[in-house]
Amino acid sequence: MIRPDAHATFEELAAGHALSALEPEEEQAFVRHLSGCARCERDLTEHLSTLAHLAYAADDVEPPAGLLGSLRAAVQDSGREVTWPGQDDRPISMDQARTRRTAAASMRRARTWTSIAAGAALVLGLGVWNVSLQRDRQQQDAWSDRLTSAVRELGEDGTSTVPLKGTDGKVVAVALVHGDRMSLLVDGLAANDSATTTYVLWGRSRFGDVRPVAAFDVNQVGVDVRKNLTIQAGVSQVTRFMVTHEQGRSAPPIPTRPVLASGSIDAGEA
């Protein structure tokens, strides 16, 4: 009959066996025990099933070059590295032999757990990385959908394009105006701090008053689209669009920062 503490040891070895992280003698001992233990068979099946789910959580991709090295360094920095005593050929007593055998077993156990920790860290690290890749892919798909929709709007009858130019004359955004609805295609504005600031698109009427159309963020340098914006004063009243970079997470009543880009509706192409 296996003592409770001995079986707890085999439960630990089941995790190491699933991760292929056992020493040869521990592997042999566990395999011999496994054939007659339904509990360990069940535990091993659960461990392997969990690893399989993590492995197929996302498409098979090449992990970053430094991932494994950083994990190994983290395990080494944990202070659980094993140092083996030097060989001593002098005769020793029975008590000393038992002490050495116990110490050697503890060292093997420490090394086993170090290997298990490294394997588990690698699996969990890859799992988190795969989730991140899936999130990035979803964001990429959403960006593609927005860009496709903006291109479709360009071909619609009644859509006017209003280039917004920076102080250097470079176009950094294009307003796509269709009735009271509009989209803003951005290409050239720097990414803002989405926790403390926001870009604001303004519309100036022919009477000179300025009203916010929408607050928006730029998450990456390059082309992006902000859709479903509404011109409050009505397109017939607006003669010019402007963009400012404001403090805070909502549009203020009036612009408080310098105009970064602007463009007149009359200068746009119908």
Foldseek 3Di string as FASTA:
>chain_A
DDDPVRVVVLLVVLLLVLLVLADPVSVVVSVVVVVPDPVSVVSNVVNNVVLVCLCVVADDDDDDPCPLVVLVVVLVVVVLQADDDDDDPDDDDPVVVVVNVVVVVVNSVSSSVSSSSSSVCVSVVSSVVRVVVVVVVVVVVVQVVQVVVVVVLVPDPQWWWWFWAFPVRHGQWIWTDHWQFIKIKGAADAFDDQVWKWKWKWFAFPVGDIATFFTHTDHHHGIGMGGGTGDVVIPVGTFKMWMDMGTGNGDDGDDDGDTGIMTTRVPIDD
